[in-house]
Amino acid sequence: MLRPLTLVVSLVVLLGLAVPDADAFFGSKDKARNEIIIVSGGPALQAWETLRRKIDQHDQWWGNFIRSAKFRMTQIVKEKGPSANITWMVYRPAYERRATEQGVPLLQYIESVRDEYFARDLKHPIRLVWFDSGDDVINYINSGQNRRSVKIGGFEYFGHSNMYAFMFDYSNHISGACRAWLHQDDLKKIKRSAFAKGAFCKSWGCHTGESMSAFWRSATGTRMWGAKGKTDYSPLQHDRLPEITDGGYWKH
C-alpha cells in the first residue's frame, strides 16, 4: 500500500503537474542552512597612499579585508559547524590592480583561502563569488540562490565605507575617492524576502552606523550593526576583528 506522501507525489506526476522544489514541497529540514554572505571590499593603491600624510594612509598591507573576512568565516564555521553555508563575495578589480602594482598573484592568494584553508584544512568548503559592482551584490542578495528555500541568515561587510555607502575601490582607482560603491539609496532594490527573520547583519567599515544602517533596516527589514566613528583593522595582528577608535561605538 502506498504511503500518503508517496501517493501525493504519484498523483502529481500522473496529472502532469509541475513538481515543486524539494525544499518547498517537503519543507526545509534545516533552517541552519540559511546562507551567510561575507563581503570583502578592495584595498587602496600604494601609489596614491604614499602621497598622503602618514597618519592618513590606508591599506599598507593589501590583505586587511581578506584576512578579517577569513577570521570571521572561521568563527562562523566553529560556531555553526557543518551546517554553516557561507558565500564570500570579493571585489575583484581592486585586487587585480593592487596585484599588478605589487607584482604578486593576489587573486591566487585569495582563492587559496577557499581551496587550501577552508576546503583542505578545515574540511569546510565555502563559495567564492567575485563581483565588480554594487549591483552585483544586490543581484546576488536577491537571486544568487533560490531565495524561496535558501534565505540569508547573515550579511557582513569588510572594507572602506562612509556614513552613506560601502566604497569598494576607495583610493584604488582614484586617489581619495571611489567609483564602485553600494550607496544607501540603492538599498531599496533589495528584496526584503531574501532575508531570514532575525538575520545578523554588520558592517565592519567606518561610519556605517551614522546613516546607512537606518536605510538598510528600512529596505531589508533587518538591523545592521555599524560603527559610529572609524574602525581600525590593526587588531588583526593579534587575531582580533576590527575595533572602533576614538570613543566611537557600535549601533544599529
C-alpha atoms as a PDB file:
ATOM      1  CA  MET A   1       0.000   0.000   0.000  1.00  0.00           C
ATOM      2  CA  LEU A   2       1.306   3.435  -0.883  1.00  0.00           C
ATOM      3  CA  ARG A   3       2.041   5.769   1.996  1.00  0.00           C
ATOM      4  CA  PRO A   4       0.149   9.121   1.883  1.00  0.00           C
ATOM      5  CA  LEU A   5       3.224  11.164   0.871  1.00  0.00           C
ATOM      6  CA  THR A   6       4.144   8.708  -1.895  1.00  0.00           C
ATOM      7  CA  LEU A   7       0.536   8.775  -3.133  1.00  0.00           C
ATOM      8  CA  VAL A   8       0.582  12.585  -3.359  1.00  0.00           C
ATOM      9  CA  VAL A   9       3.800  12.572  -5.396  1.00  0.00           C
ATOM     10  CA  SER A  10       2.404   9.853  -7.706  1.00  0.00           C
ATOM     11  CA  LEU A  11      -0.769  11.870  -8.345  1.00  0.00           C
ATOM     12  CA  VAL A  12       1.295  14.966  -9.158  1.00  0.00           C
ATOM     13  CA  VAL A  13       3.253  13.009 -11.774  1.00  0.00           C
ATOM     14  CA  LEU A  14       0.185  11.292 -13.258  1.00  0.00           C
ATOM     15  CA  LEU A  15      -1.708  14.546 -13.612  1.00  0.00           C
ATOM     16  CA  GLY A  16       1.231  16.218 -15.324  1.00  0.00           C
ATOM     17  CA  LEU A  17       1.589  18.893 -12.682  1.00  0.00           C
ATOM     18  CA  ALA A  18       4.886  20.687 -12.110  1.00  0.00           C
ATOM     19  CA  VAL A  19       6.901  19.121  -9.306  1.00  0.00           C
ATOM     20  CA  PRO A  20       7.988  21.870  -6.916  1.00  0.00           C
ATOM     21  CA  ASP A  21      11.440  22.414  -5.481  1.00  0.00           C
ATOM     22  CA  ALA A  22      12.235  19.706  -2.912  1.00  0.00           C
ATOM     23  CA  ASP A  23      12.609  22.147  -0.019  1.00  0.00           C
ATOM     24  CA  ALA A  24       9.343  23.874  -0.932  1.00  0.00           C
ATOM     25  CA  PHE A  25       7.473  20.552  -1.311  1.00  0.00           C
ATOM     26  CA  PHE A  26       8.702  18.701   1.765  1.00  0.00           C
ATOM     27  CA  GLY A  27       9.623  21.723   3.870  1.00  0.00           C
ATOM     28  CA  SER A  28      13.164  22.777   4.743  1.00  0.00           C
ATOM     29  CA  LYS A  29      14.632  20.271   7.175  1.00  0.00           C
ATOM     30  CA  ASP A  30      17.455  22.502   8.339  1.00  0.00           C
ATOM     31  CA  LYS A  31      16.906  26.209   8.790  1.00  0.00           C
ATOM     32  CA  ALA A  32      20.531  26.464   9.924  1.00  0.00           C
ATOM     33  CA  ARG A  33      21.400  26.148   6.214  1.00  0.00           C
ATOM     34  CA  ASN A  34      20.408  29.773   5.735  1.00  0.00           C
ATOM     35  CA  GLU A  35      23.155  31.451   3.726  1.00  0.00           C
ATOM     36  CA  ILE A  36      25.695  33.747   5.363  1.00  0.00           C
ATOM     37  CA  ILE A  37      27.198  36.327   2.995  1.00  0.00           C
ATOM     38  CA  ILE A  38      30.577  37.890   3.775  1.00  0.00           C
ATOM     39  CA  VAL A  39      31.695  40.770   1.520  1.00  0.00           C
ATOM     40  CA  SER A  40      35.291  41.994   1.129  1.00  0.00           C
ATOM     41  CA  GLY A  41      35.912  45.379  -0.471  1.00  0.00           C
ATOM     42  CA  GLY A  42      39.235  46.236  -2.095  1.00  0.00           C
ATOM     43  CA  PRO A  43      42.471  47.862  -0.898  1.00  0.00           C
ATOM     44  CA  ALA A  44      43.973  51.207  -1.879  1.00  0.00           C
ATOM     45  CA  LEU A  45      46.904  51.501  -4.262  1.00  0.00           C
ATOM     46  CA  GLN A  46      50.181  52.355  -2.597  1.00  0.00           C
ATOM     47  CA  ALA A  47      50.960  54.815  -5.393  1.00  0.00           C
ATOM     48  CA  TRP A  48      48.173  57.026  -4.053  1.00  0.00           C
ATOM     49  CA  GLU A  49      48.652  56.354  -0.360  1.00  0.00           C
ATOM     50  CA  THR A  50      52.301  57.394  -0.293  1.00  0.00           C
ATOM     51  CA  LEU A  51      51.151  60.885  -1.299  1.00  0.00           C
ATOM     52  CA  ARG A  52      49.142  61.217   1.941  1.00  0.00           C
ATOM     53  CA  ARG A  53      50.312  62.191   5.374  1.00  0.00           C
ATOM     54  CA  LYS A  54      51.399  59.027   7.168  1.00  0.00           C
ATOM     55  CA  ILE A  55      48.578  59.335   9.694  1.00  0.00           C
ATOM     56  CA  ASP A  56      46.022  59.314   6.828  1.00  0.00           C
ATOM     57  CA  GLN A  57      47.442  56.399   4.836  1.00  0.00           C
ATOM     58  CA  HIS A  58      45.285  53.298   4.266  1.00  0.00           C
ATOM     59  CA  ASP A  59      45.943  49.659   3.494  1.00  0.00           C
ATOM     60  CA  GLN A  60      49.681  49.448   3.880  1.00  0.00           C
ATOM     61  CA  TRP A  61      49.010  45.730   3.742  1.00  0.00           C
ATOM     62  CA  TRP A  62      46.840  44.548   0.852  1.00  0.00           C
ATOM     63  CA  GLY A  63      45.049  41.849   2.872  1.00  0.00           C
ATOM     64  CA  ASN A  64      43.162  43.741   5.596  1.00  0.00           C
ATOM     65  CA  PHE A  65      39.733  42.980   4.164  1.00  0.00           C
ATOM     66  CA  ILE A  66      40.709  39.429   3.186  1.00  0.00           C
ATOM     67  CA  ARG A  67      42.220  38.344   6.487  1.00  0.00           C
ATOM     68  CA  SER A  68      39.394  39.882   8.510  1.00  0.00           C
ATOM     69  CA  ALA A  69      36.833  38.026   6.376  1.00  0.00           C
ATOM     70  CA  LYS A  70      38.815  34.790   6.749  1.00  0.00           C
ATOM     71  CA  PHE A  71      38.941  35.239  10.511  1.00  0.00           C
ATOM     72  CA  ARG A  72      35.207  35.913  10.730  1.00  0.00           C
ATOM     73  CA  MET A  73      34.301  32.975   8.471  1.00  0.00           C
ATOM     74  CA  THR A  74      36.444  30.716  10.643  1.00  0.00           C
ATOM     75  CA  GLN A  75      34.492  31.895  13.690  1.00  0.00           C
ATOM     76  CA  ILE A  76      31.211  31.095  11.927  1.00  0.00           C
ATOM     77  CA  VAL A  77      32.382  27.603  10.952  1.00  0.00           C
ATOM     78  CA  LYS A  78      33.389  26.902  14.550  1.00  0.00           C
ATOM     79  CA  GLU A  79      30.114  28.288  15.898  1.00  0.00           C
ATOM     80  CA  LYS A  80      27.742  26.596  13.447  1.00  0.00           C
ATOM     81  CA  GLY A  81      29.695  23.511  12.465  1.00  0.00           C
ATOM     82  CA  PRO A  82      28.860  21.551   9.295  1.00  0.00           C
ATOM     83  CA  SER A  83      25.629  23.498   8.748  1.00  0.00           C
ATOM     84  CA  ALA A  84      27.459  26.786   8.047  1.00  0.00           C
ATOM     85  CA  ASN A  85      26.528  27.794   4.482  1.00  0.00           C
ATOM     86  CA  ILE A  86      28.977  30.603   3.635  1.00  0.00           C
ATOM     87  CA  THR A  87      29.335  32.695   0.493  1.00  0.00           C
ATOM     88  CA  TRP A  88      32.329  35.023   0.290  1.00  0.00           C
ATOM     89  CA  MET A  89      31.993  37.925  -2.159  1.00  0.00           C
ATOM     90  CA  VAL A  90      35.227  39.729  -3.102  1.00  0.00           C
ATOM     91  CA  TYR A  91      35.575  42.897  -5.177  1.00  0.00           C
ATOM     92  CA  ARG A  92      37.893  41.599  -7.893  1.00  0.00           C
ATOM     93  CA  PRO A  93      39.015  44.743  -9.837  1.00  0.00           C
ATOM     94  CA  ALA A  94      40.753  46.305  -6.820  1.00  0.00           C
ATOM     95  CA  TYR A  95      42.827  43.194  -6.149  1.00  0.00           C
ATOM     96  CA  GLU A  96      43.719  42.913  -9.827  1.00  0.00           C
ATOM     97  CA  ARG A  97      45.095  46.480  -9.787  1.00  0.00           C
ATOM     98  CA  ARG A  98      46.915  46.013  -6.492  1.00  0.00           C
ATOM     99  CA  ALA A  99      48.371  42.723  -7.786  1.00  0.00           C
ATOM    100  CA  THR A 100      49.718  44.492 -10.859  1.00  0.00           C
ATOM    101  CA  GLU A 101      51.199  47.235  -8.687  1.00  0.00           C
ATOM    102  CA  GLN A 102      52.932  44.798  -6.333  1.00  0.00           C
ATOM    103  CA  GLY A 103      53.785  42.168  -8.943  1.00  0.00           C
ATOM    104  CA  VAL A 104      52.265  39.322  -6.911  1.00  0.00           C
ATOM    105  CA  PRO A 105      49.350  36.933  -7.691  1.00  0.00           C
ATOM    106  CA  LEU A 106      46.813  38.261  -5.192  1.00  0.00           C
ATOM    107  CA  LEU A 107      43.846  36.563  -6.850  1.00  0.00           C
ATOM    108  CA  GLN A 108      45.562  33.216  -6.385  1.00  0.00           C
ATOM    109  CA  TYR A 109      46.237  34.044  -2.745  1.00  0.00           C
ATOM    110  CA  ILE A 110      42.553  34.797  -2.236  1.00  0.00           C
ATOM    111  CA  GLU A 111      41.469  31.613  -3.983  1.00  0.00           C
ATOM    112  CA  SER A 112      43.865  29.658  -1.770  1.00  0.00           C
ATOM    113  CA  VAL A 113      41.848  30.798   1.259  1.00  0.00           C
ATOM    114  CA  ARG A 114      38.888  28.946  -0.249  1.00  0.00           C
ATOM    115  CA  ASP A 115      40.785  25.957  -1.653  1.00  0.00           C
ATOM    116  CA  GLU A 116      43.581  25.344   0.828  1.00  0.00           C
ATOM    117  CA  TYR A 117      42.431  26.808   4.123  1.00  0.00           C
ATOM    118  CA  PHE A 118      38.696  26.094   4.181  1.00  0.00           C
ATOM    119  CA  ALA A 119      38.267  23.143   1.790  1.00  0.00           C
ATOM    120  CA  ARG A 120      41.510  21.306   2.588  1.00  0.00           C
ATOM    121  CA  ASP A 121      42.479  22.271   6.131  1.00  0.00           C
ATOM    122  CA  LEU A 122      39.100  22.929   7.777  1.00  0.00           C
ATOM    123  CA  LYS A 123      37.255  20.413   5.574  1.00  0.00           C
ATOM    124  CA  HIS A 124      34.511  23.012   5.173  1.00  0.00           C
ATOM    125  CA  PRO A 125      34.055  24.326   1.603  1.00  0.00           C
ATOM    126  CA  ILE A 126      32.863  27.889   1.118  1.00  0.00           C
ATOM    127  CA  ARG A 127      31.554  29.589  -2.021  1.00  0.00           C
ATOM    128  CA  LEU A 128      33.767  32.355  -3.504  1.00  0.00           C
ATOM    129  CA  VAL A 129      31.963  34.873  -5.719  1.00  0.00           C
ATOM    130  CA  TRP A 130      33.938  37.635  -7.430  1.00  0.00           C
ATOM    131  CA  PHE A 131      31.997  40.843  -8.065  1.00  0.00           C
ATOM    132  CA  ASP A 132      32.558  44.093  -9.962  1.00  0.00           C
ATOM    133  CA  SER A 133      29.861  46.499  -8.750  1.00  0.00           C
ATOM    134  CA  GLY A 134      27.285  47.307  -6.114  1.00  0.00           C
ATOM    135  CA  ASP A 135      24.572  45.989  -8.416  1.00  0.00           C
ATOM    136  CA  ASP A 136      26.350  42.621  -8.423  1.00  0.00           C
ATOM    137  CA  VAL A 137      25.989  42.489  -4.637  1.00  0.00           C
ATOM    138  CA  ILE A 138      22.305  43.398  -4.781  1.00  0.00           C
ATOM    139  CA  ASN A 139      21.660  40.859  -7.532  1.00  0.00           C
ATOM    140  CA  TYR A 140      23.335  38.136  -5.515  1.00  0.00           C
ATOM    141  CA  ILE A 141      21.324  39.024  -2.412  1.00  0.00           C
ATOM    142  CA  ASN A 142      18.111  38.879  -4.431  1.00  0.00           C
ATOM    143  CA  SER A 143      18.700  35.808  -6.555  1.00  0.00           C
ATOM    144  CA  GLY A 144      22.180  34.347  -6.062  1.00  0.00           C
ATOM    145  CA  GLN A 145      20.438  31.267  -4.708  1.00  0.00           C
ATOM    146  CA  ASN A 146      16.805  30.183  -4.705  1.00  0.00           C
ATOM    147  CA  ARG A 147      15.510  32.621  -2.095  1.00  0.00           C
ATOM    148  CA  ARG A 148      12.323  30.615  -1.575  1.00  0.00           C
ATOM    149  CA  SER A 149      14.371  27.846   0.014  1.00  0.00           C
ATOM    150  CA  VAL A 150      17.676  29.498   0.955  1.00  0.00           C
ATOM    151  CA  LYS A 151      17.236  32.679   2.950  1.00  0.00           C
ATOM    152  CA  ILE A 152      20.051  34.977   4.046  1.00  0.00           C
ATOM    153  CA  GLY A 153      20.761  34.404   7.715  1.00  0.00           C
ATOM    154  CA  GLY A 154      23.715  36.784   7.906  1.00  0.00           C
ATOM    155  CA  PHE A 155      25.438  39.565   5.972  1.00  0.00           C
ATOM    156  CA  GLU A 156      28.743  41.205   6.951  1.00  0.00           C
ATOM    157  CA  TYR A 157      30.939  43.725   5.157  1.00  0.00           C
ATOM    158  CA  PHE A 158      34.691  44.294   5.481  1.00  0.00           C
ATOM    159  CA  GLY A 159      36.033  47.271   3.575  1.00  0.00           C
ATOM    160  CA  HIS A 160      36.116  51.035   3.217  1.00  0.00           C
ATOM    161  CA  SER A 161      32.903  52.926   3.852  1.00  0.00           C
ATOM    162  CA  ASN A 162      31.488  56.251   4.915  1.00  0.00           C
ATOM    163  CA  MET A 163      28.155  57.020   6.544  1.00  0.00           C
ATOM    164  CA  TYR A 164      26.323  56.723   3.220  1.00  0.00           C
ATOM    165  CA  ALA A 165      27.943  53.849   1.308  1.00  0.00           C
ATOM    166  CA  PHE A 166      30.212  50.838   1.092  1.00  0.00           C
ATOM    167  CA  MET A 167      33.169  52.047  -1.016  1.00  0.00           C
ATOM    168  CA  PHE A 168      34.633  49.024  -2.786  1.00  0.00           C
ATOM    169  CA  ASP A 169      37.582  50.711  -4.516  1.00  0.00           C
ATOM    170  CA  TYR A 170      38.383  53.702  -2.301  1.00  0.00           C
ATOM    171  CA  SER A 171      41.800  55.084  -3.356  1.00  0.00           C
ATOM    172  CA  ASN A 172      42.310  52.104  -5.633  1.00  0.00           C
ATOM    173  CA  HIS A 173      41.430  53.769  -8.919  1.00  0.00           C
ATOM    174  CA  ILE A 174      41.127  57.423  -7.909  1.00  0.00           C
ATOM    175  CA  SER A 175      43.077  58.938  -5.033  1.00  0.00           C
ATOM    176  CA  GLY A 176      40.817  59.667  -2.079  1.00  0.00           C
ATOM    177  CA  ALA A 177      37.651  58.663  -3.963  1.00  0.00           C
ATOM    178  CA  CYS A 178      35.885  55.669  -5.465  1.00  0.00           C
ATOM    179  CA  ARG A 179      33.796  54.768  -8.477  1.00  0.00           C
ATOM    180  CA  ALA A 180      32.425  51.430  -7.258  1.00  0.00           C
ATOM    181  CA  TRP A 181      30.087  51.516  -4.306  1.00  0.00           C
ATOM    182  CA  LEU A 182      26.824  50.392  -2.745  1.00  0.00           C
ATOM    183  CA  HIS A 183      25.008  53.560  -1.691  1.00  0.00           C
ATOM    184  CA  GLN A 184      22.227  53.664   0.871  1.00  0.00           C
ATOM    185  CA  ASP A 185      19.841  54.997  -1.798  1.00  0.00           C
ATOM    186  CA  ASP A 186      20.408  51.789  -3.789  1.00  0.00           C
ATOM    187  CA  LEU A 187      19.311  49.525  -0.940  1.00  0.00           C
ATOM    188  CA  LYS A 188      15.650  49.873  -1.936  1.00  0.00           C
ATOM    189  CA  LYS A 189      16.427  47.489  -4.816  1.00  0.00           C
ATOM    190  CA  ILE A 190      16.967  44.660  -2.323  1.00  0.00           C
ATOM    191  CA  LYS A 191      14.104  42.193  -1.875  1.00  0.00           C
ATOM    192  CA  ARG A 192      13.091  42.060   1.784  1.00  0.00           C
ATOM    193  CA  SER A 193      12.003  38.457   1.308  1.00  0.00           C
ATOM    194  CA  ALA A 194      15.626  37.419   0.702  1.00  0.00           C
ATOM    195  CA  PHE A 195      16.415  37.677   4.424  1.00  0.00           C
ATOM    196  CA  ALA A 196      15.533  35.235   7.154  1.00  0.00           C
ATOM    197  CA  LYS A 197      13.805  36.559  10.240  1.00  0.00           C
ATOM    198  CA  GLY A 198      16.398  37.675  12.760  1.00  0.00           C
ATOM    199  CA  ALA A 199      19.297  37.717  10.254  1.00  0.00           C
ATOM    200  CA  PHE A 200      22.530  39.088  11.725  1.00  0.00           C
ATOM    201  CA  CYS A 201      23.976  41.956   9.662  1.00  0.00           C
ATOM    202  CA  LYS A 202      27.056  44.047  10.401  1.00  0.00           C
ATOM    203  CA  SER A 203      29.338  46.467   8.594  1.00  0.00           C
ATOM    204  CA  TRP A 204      32.938  46.492   9.816  1.00  0.00           C
ATOM    205  CA  GLY A 205      33.680  49.665   7.838  1.00  0.00           C
ATOM    206  CA  CYS A 206      33.851  53.229   9.119  1.00  0.00           C
ATOM    207  CA  HIS A 207      30.763  55.343   9.941  1.00  0.00           C
ATOM    208  CA  THR A 208      28.077  52.952   8.622  1.00  0.00           C
ATOM    209  CA  GLY A 209      26.048  53.278  11.807  1.00  0.00           C
ATOM    210  CA  GLU A 210      25.652  57.021  11.292  1.00  0.00           C
ATOM    211  CA  SER A 211      23.192  56.757   8.386  1.00  0.00           C
ATOM    212  CA  MET A 212      23.408  53.676   6.174  1.00  0.00           C
ATOM    213  CA  SER A 213      22.298  51.272   8.905  1.00  0.00           C
ATOM    214  CA  ALA A 214      18.920  53.007   9.134  1.00  0.00           C
ATOM    215  CA  PHE A 215      18.436  52.756   5.356  1.00  0.00           C
ATOM    216  CA  TRP A 216      19.434  49.087   5.485  1.00  0.00           C
ATOM    217  CA  ARG A 217      16.766  48.333   8.075  1.00  0.00           C
ATOM    218  CA  SER A 218      14.135  50.237   6.114  1.00  0.00           C
ATOM    219  CA  ALA A 219      14.990  48.361   2.914  1.00  0.00           C
ATOM    220  CA  THR A 220      15.562  44.842   4.239  1.00  0.00           C
ATOM    221  CA  GLY A 221      13.637  44.685   7.496  1.00  0.00           C
ATOM    222  CA  THR A 222      16.812  43.596   9.313  1.00  0.00           C
ATOM    223  CA  ARG A 223      19.052  45.591  11.612  1.00  0.00           C
ATOM    224  CA  MET A 224      22.623  46.299  10.531  1.00  0.00           C
ATOM    225  CA  TRP A 225      25.217  46.960  13.197  1.00  0.00           C
ATOM    226  CA  GLY A 226      27.545  49.738  12.082  1.00  0.00           C
ATOM    227  CA  ALA A 227      30.213  51.979  13.514  1.00  0.00           C
ATOM    228  CA  LYS A 228      29.632  55.453  14.821  1.00  0.00           C
ATOM    229  CA  GLY A 229      33.152  56.613  14.151  1.00  0.00           C
ATOM    230  CA  LYS A 230      36.126  54.982  12.441  1.00  0.00           C
ATOM    231  CA  THR A 231      37.127  51.327  12.516  1.00  0.00           C
ATOM    232  CA  ASP A 232      40.702  50.114  12.950  1.00  0.00           C
ATOM    233  CA  TYR A 233      41.919  46.891  11.322  1.00  0.00           C
ATOM    234  CA  SER A 234      45.265  46.720  13.155  1.00  0.00           C
ATOM    235  CA  PRO A 235      43.871  44.302  15.818  1.00  0.00           C
ATOM    236  CA  LEU A 236      44.080  41.629  13.088  1.00  0.00           C
ATOM    237  CA  GLN A 237      47.754  41.381  14.053  1.00  0.00           C
ATOM    238  CA  HIS A 238      46.562  39.949  17.355  1.00  0.00           C
ATOM    239  CA  ASP A 239      43.823  37.732  15.901  1.00  0.00           C
ATOM    240  CA  ARG A 240      41.006  40.120  16.702  1.00  0.00           C
ATOM    241  CA  LEU A 241      38.342  41.633  14.485  1.00  0.00           C
ATOM    242  CA  PRO A 242      38.340  45.382  13.665  1.00  0.00           C
ATOM    243  CA  GLU A 243      37.620  47.759  16.527  1.00  0.00           C
ATOM    244  CA  ILE A 244      36.201  51.266  16.736  1.00  0.00           C
ATOM    245  CA  THR A 245      38.603  54.081  17.586  1.00  0.00           C
ATOM    246  CA  ASP A 246      38.413  57.472  19.307  1.00  0.00           C
ATOM    247  CA  GLY A 247      35.429  56.825  21.536  1.00  0.00           C
ATOM    248  CA  GLY A 248      33.106  55.554  18.825  1.00  0.00           C
ATOM    249  CA  TYR A 249      30.708  52.655  19.330  1.00  0.00           C
ATOM    250  CA  TRP A 250      28.609  50.054  17.519  1.00  0.00           C
ATOM    251  CA  LYS A 251      24.977  50.859  16.849  1.00  0.00           C
ATOM    252  CA  HIS A 252      22.117  49.799  14.554  1.00  0.00           C
END
